[in-house]
Amino acid sequence: MSRKLEGKVAVITGATSGIGLASARRFVAEGAHVYITGRRQAELDAAVAALGRSATGVRADASSLADLDRLFARVREEKGRIDVLFANAGGGSMLPLGAITEEQFDDTFGRNVKGVLFTVQKALPLLAEGASVILTGSTAGTEGTQAFSVYAASKAAVRSFARNWILDLKGRNIRVNVLSPGSTRTPGLVELAGPDAARQQGLLDMLASRIPMGRVGEADEIAKAAVFLASDDSSFVNGAELFADGGQAQV
């Protein structure tokens, strides 16, 4: 039985934990060679060790243009092309209107908007004919969430990128889609509640109560959706937002 990404070269930013790492694991299992990035070397090394010989780690901050240049220079030298680009790196924090700081705004938009834009733009010379580009969105870009407006606005911008970029890239048969998870059990999510385990579980329970399926998602469930968008199974899916959210933003 053939694997869905056999022989493909993939790049996943922000893949040392959570959805990025789960997606890298799925991509490798489906036959791809995956380049993963992270900002911390120890976590990057651990992720590569877990993924095996079909993974290469490059330390990079997706909001740093110099780091992106180093990343894509290495991919160019070693593989010469990219078949799947998953611009997944990002993050954010919670502050209500009235308490938002310039530092928080710059950090969130730097990671989620600037980082995504220049990850894709700098990858363009390497993207193969018919390549798949996946952008990580969020249900936050569709819903309203107290104290989360900056993050939500950044993810709404990501959604807009896909709609516009498919027009810029239509001559190259490159697909661009947004994968928008709902509340998913990842280190980045639970850390919003701080280091206390009880508070983290309380956050997960509260989020689960808002989801029709009655639970939060698991990173591997989002990774399965990423494989769909990366593969030829989604060959006529373009400019779309795929929600993997247990119905969270659909009711």
Protein backbone atom coordinates (compact mmCIF):
# COMPACT_ATOMS: atom_id res chain seq x y z
CA MET A 1 0.00 0.00 0.00
CA SER A 2 1.55 3.29 -1.11
CA ARG A 3 2.08 6.03 1.41
CA LYS A 4 0.45 9.41 0.85
CA LEU A 5 3.64 11.50 0.95
CA GLU A 6 6.12 9.03 -0.49
CA GLY A 7 9.29 10.82 -1.63
CA LYS A 8 8.00 14.27 -0.71
CA VAL A 9 10.14 16.97 0.90
CA ALA A 10 8.28 18.81 3.65
CA VAL A 11 9.11 21.75 5.89
CA ILE A 12 7.21 22.27 9.15
CA THR A 13 8.00 25.31 11.26
CA GLY A 14 7.44 25.21 15.00
CA ALA A 15 7.57 21.43 15.16
CA THR A 16 9.31 20.57 18.41
CA SER A 17 6.05 19.87 20.26
CA GLY A 18 2.28 19.84 19.93
CA ILE A 19 0.61 19.94 16.53
CA GLY A 20 3.86 20.58 14.65
CA LEU A 21 5.61 17.55 16.10
CA ALA A 22 2.55 15.33 15.68
CA SER A 23 2.32 16.42 12.04
CA ALA A 24 6.01 15.75 11.46
CA ARG A 25 5.52 12.26 12.88
CA ARG A 26 2.59 11.64 10.52
CA PHE A 27 4.45 13.06 7.51
CA VAL A 28 7.43 10.80 8.16
CA ALA A 29 5.12 7.79 8.51
CA GLU A 30 3.60 8.68 5.14
CA GLY A 31 7.00 8.67 3.43
CA ALA A 32 8.19 12.29 3.52
CA HIS A 33 11.54 13.69 4.52
CA VAL A 34 10.69 16.47 6.95
CA TYR A 35 12.66 19.54 7.93
CA ILE A 36 11.48 20.83 11.29
CA THR A 37 12.30 24.06 13.06
CA GLY A 38 12.26 25.24 16.63
CA ARG A 39 13.76 28.07 18.63
CA ARG A 40 15.41 25.92 21.33
CA GLN A 41 18.18 23.52 20.38
CA ALA A 42 17.57 20.93 23.11
CA GLU A 43 13.90 20.52 22.19
CA LEU A 44 14.80 20.44 18.49
CA ASP A 45 17.37 17.69 19.02
CA ALA A 46 14.88 15.65 21.05
CA ALA A 47 12.24 15.97 18.34
CA VAL A 48 14.62 14.89 15.59
CA ALA A 49 15.72 11.92 17.68
CA ALA A 50 12.10 10.89 18.13
CA LEU A 51 11.33 11.24 14.42
CA GLY A 52 14.32 9.31 13.14
CA ARG A 53 16.45 9.48 10.01
CA SER A 54 13.74 11.00 7.83
CA ALA A 55 13.82 14.25 9.80
CA THR A 56 16.27 17.14 9.82
CA GLY A 57 16.23 19.85 12.45
CA VAL A 58 17.17 23.46 11.79
CA ARG A 59 17.16 25.89 14.67
CA ALA A 60 15.16 28.90 13.53
CA ASP A 61 12.77 31.57 14.71
CA ALA A 62 10.15 31.98 11.99
CA SER A 63 9.87 35.70 12.72
CA SER A 64 13.59 36.15 11.93
CA LEU A 65 14.23 36.68 8.23
CA ALA A 66 17.89 35.71 8.67
CA ASP A 67 16.88 32.43 10.29
CA LEU A 68 14.47 31.71 7.45
CA ASP A 69 17.23 32.36 4.92
CA ARG A 70 19.44 29.81 6.70
CA LEU A 71 16.62 27.28 6.78
CA PHE A 72 15.81 27.49 3.10
CA ALA A 73 19.46 27.64 2.07
CA ARG A 74 19.94 24.28 3.76
CA VAL A 75 16.86 22.77 2.13
CA ARG A 76 18.05 24.06 -1.26
CA GLU A 77 21.50 22.56 -0.77
CA GLU A 78 20.29 19.18 0.45
CA LYS A 79 17.02 18.58 -1.39
CA GLY A 80 16.57 21.33 -3.96
CA ARG A 81 12.81 21.65 -3.56
CA ILE A 82 9.86 21.75 -1.18
CA ASP A 83 6.69 19.75 -1.89
CA VAL A 84 4.86 20.59 1.34
CA LEU A 85 5.30 23.73 3.42
CA PHE A 86 3.48 23.81 6.75
CA ALA A 87 3.82 27.29 8.27
CA ASN A 88 2.85 26.22 11.76
CA ALA A 89 5.08 28.28 14.07
CA GLY A 90 3.21 30.82 16.15
CA GLY A 91 1.68 31.52 19.50
CA GLY A 92 0.17 34.16 21.68
CA SER A 93 -0.92 35.23 25.12
CA MET A 94 -4.05 36.54 26.78
CA LEU A 95 -4.59 40.19 27.71
CA PRO A 96 -7.91 42.08 27.75
CA LEU A 97 -8.47 45.36 25.97
CA GLY A 98 -7.09 48.04 28.25
CA ALA A 99 -4.10 45.92 29.26
CA ILE A 100 -2.68 45.11 25.80
CA THR A 101 0.93 46.17 25.47
CA GLU A 102 3.02 47.03 22.44
CA GLU A 103 5.32 44.15 23.39
CA GLN A 104 2.46 41.63 23.35
CA PHE A 105 1.15 42.94 20.03
CA ASP A 106 4.57 42.86 18.38
CA ASP A 107 5.32 39.37 19.70
CA THR A 108 1.99 37.91 18.56
CA PHE A 109 1.91 39.54 15.14
CA GLY A 110 5.61 38.86 14.66
CA ARG A 111 5.12 35.15 15.21
CA ASN A 112 1.72 34.63 13.62
CA VAL A 113 1.62 37.16 10.78
CA LYS A 114 5.13 38.32 9.91
CA GLY A 115 6.52 34.84 10.46
CA VAL A 116 3.91 33.16 8.25
CA LEU A 117 4.23 35.76 5.50
CA PHE A 118 7.99 35.55 5.19
CA THR A 119 8.12 31.78 5.69
CA VAL A 120 5.97 31.37 2.60
CA GLN A 121 7.55 34.19 0.60
CA LYS A 122 11.11 33.02 1.18
CA ALA A 123 10.12 29.43 0.32
CA LEU A 124 8.64 30.42 -3.05
CA PRO A 125 11.76 29.73 -5.15
CA LEU A 126 11.88 26.19 -3.74
CA LEU A 127 8.19 25.31 -3.96
CA ALA A 128 7.65 22.60 -6.56
CA GLU A 129 4.94 22.69 -9.19
CA GLY A 130 1.76 21.58 -7.46
CA ALA A 131 3.17 22.08 -3.96
CA SER A 132 0.88 22.28 -0.94
CA VAL A 133 1.18 25.17 1.49
CA ILE A 134 -0.60 24.81 4.84
CA LEU A 135 -1.05 27.71 7.24
CA THR A 136 -2.03 27.17 10.85
CA GLY A 137 -5.13 29.15 11.70
CA SER A 138 -7.40 28.87 14.72
CA THR A 139 -11.03 28.87 15.71
CA ALA A 140 -10.07 32.07 17.52
CA GLY A 141 -10.00 33.79 14.15
CA THR A 142 -13.71 33.10 13.77
CA GLU A 143 -14.99 33.20 17.34
CA GLY A 144 -14.86 35.89 19.98
CA THR A 145 -12.82 35.07 23.07
CA GLN A 146 -12.37 37.31 26.09
CA ALA A 147 -8.83 38.70 26.49
CA PHE A 148 -7.68 37.04 23.26
CA SER A 149 -8.30 39.75 20.67
CA VAL A 150 -4.70 40.22 19.51
CA TYR A 151 -4.20 36.51 18.89
CA ALA A 152 -7.60 36.26 17.20
CA ALA A 153 -6.81 39.17 14.90
CA SER A 154 -3.50 37.60 13.94
CA LYS A 155 -5.21 34.35 12.95
CA ALA A 156 -7.84 36.24 10.96
CA ALA A 157 -4.93 37.74 9.03
CA VAL A 158 -3.59 34.26 8.31
CA ARG A 159 -6.98 33.26 6.91
CA SER A 160 -6.90 36.29 4.63
CA PHE A 161 -3.41 35.39 3.39
CA ALA A 162 -4.67 32.11 1.93
CA ARG A 163 -7.52 33.76 0.02
CA ASN A 164 -5.16 36.21 -1.61
CA TRP A 165 -2.11 34.03 -2.15
CA ILE A 166 -3.98 31.46 -4.24
CA LEU A 167 -4.50 34.25 -6.78
CA ASP A 168 -0.83 35.26 -6.67
CA LEU A 169 0.25 31.63 -7.16
CA LYS A 170 -2.37 30.33 -9.59
CA GLY A 171 0.13 30.13 -12.43
CA ARG A 172 2.24 27.60 -10.51
CA ASN A 173 -0.52 25.20 -9.42
CA ILE A 174 0.44 25.74 -5.79
CA ARG A 175 -2.37 25.20 -3.30
CA VAL A 176 -2.64 27.25 -0.11
CA ASN A 177 -5.02 26.19 2.65
CA VAL A 178 -5.58 27.02 6.31
CA LEU A 179 -5.84 24.32 8.97
CA SER A 180 -7.73 25.73 11.96
CA PRO A 181 -7.67 23.60 15.09
CA GLY A 182 -10.06 24.07 17.93
CA SER A 183 -8.92 23.69 21.51
CA THR A 184 -6.23 21.02 21.39
CA ARG A 185 -4.21 19.47 24.20
CA THR A 186 -0.76 20.91 23.51
CA PRO A 187 1.96 22.42 25.71
CA GLY A 188 1.21 25.84 24.22
CA LEU A 189 -2.43 25.65 25.25
CA VAL A 190 -2.07 24.36 28.78
CA GLU A 191 0.74 26.83 29.50
CA LEU A 192 -1.82 29.63 29.12
CA ALA A 193 -3.08 28.54 32.54
CA GLY A 194 0.38 28.73 34.11
CA PRO A 195 2.50 25.93 35.63
CA ASP A 196 -0.09 24.58 38.10
CA ALA A 197 -1.46 21.21 36.92
CA ALA A 198 -4.88 21.74 38.50
CA ARG A 199 -5.29 25.09 36.75
CA GLN A 200 -4.23 23.51 33.47
CA GLN A 201 -6.81 20.75 33.83
CA GLY A 202 -9.41 23.34 34.75
CA LEU A 203 -8.67 25.19 31.52
CA LEU A 204 -9.01 21.99 29.47
CA ASP A 205 -12.30 21.14 31.20
CA MET A 206 -13.69 24.62 30.56
CA LEU A 207 -12.70 24.48 26.90
CA ALA A 208 -14.16 20.98 26.51
CA SER A 209 -17.51 22.26 27.77
CA ARG A 210 -17.69 24.59 24.74
CA ILE A 211 -17.13 21.81 22.20
CA PRO A 212 -20.07 19.74 20.87
CA MET A 213 -17.96 16.57 21.01
CA GLY A 214 -17.43 17.21 24.73
CA ARG A 215 -13.64 17.06 24.74
CA VAL A 216 -10.61 18.92 23.49
CA GLY A 217 -8.71 17.64 20.49
CA GLU A 218 -5.46 15.70 20.48
CA ALA A 219 -2.48 16.84 18.44
CA ASP A 220 -2.48 13.69 16.33
CA GLU A 221 -6.05 14.38 15.24
CA ILE A 222 -4.95 17.72 13.81
CA ALA A 223 -1.94 16.02 12.23
CA LYS A 224 -4.23 13.66 10.31
CA ALA A 225 -5.99 16.68 8.82
CA ALA A 226 -2.59 18.13 7.91
CA VAL A 227 -1.74 14.94 6.00
CA PHE A 228 -4.97 15.33 4.02
CA LEU A 229 -4.07 18.90 3.02
CA ALA A 230 -0.48 17.92 2.25
CA SER A 231 -1.39 15.00 0.02
CA ASP A 232 -3.04 14.53 -3.35
CA ASP A 233 -6.22 13.57 -1.50
CA SER A 234 -6.90 17.32 -1.36
CA SER A 235 -5.83 18.06 -4.96
CA PHE A 236 -8.89 20.29 -5.62
CA VAL A 237 -8.93 21.97 -2.20
CA ASN A 238 -7.51 25.47 -2.49
CA GLY A 239 -7.91 28.64 -0.44
CA ALA A 240 -10.04 26.76 2.07
CA GLU A 241 -10.14 26.80 5.84
CA LEU A 242 -10.38 23.29 7.24
CA PHE A 243 -11.65 23.27 10.81
CA ALA A 244 -10.48 20.38 12.97
CA ASP A 245 -12.35 21.59 16.04
CA GLY A 246 -14.92 19.04 17.19
CA GLY A 247 -17.60 21.48 16.07
CA GLN A 248 -16.36 24.30 18.32
CA ALA A 249 -16.66 27.11 15.76
CA GLN A 250 -19.52 25.54 13.81
CA VAL A 251 -22.43 26.15 16.21
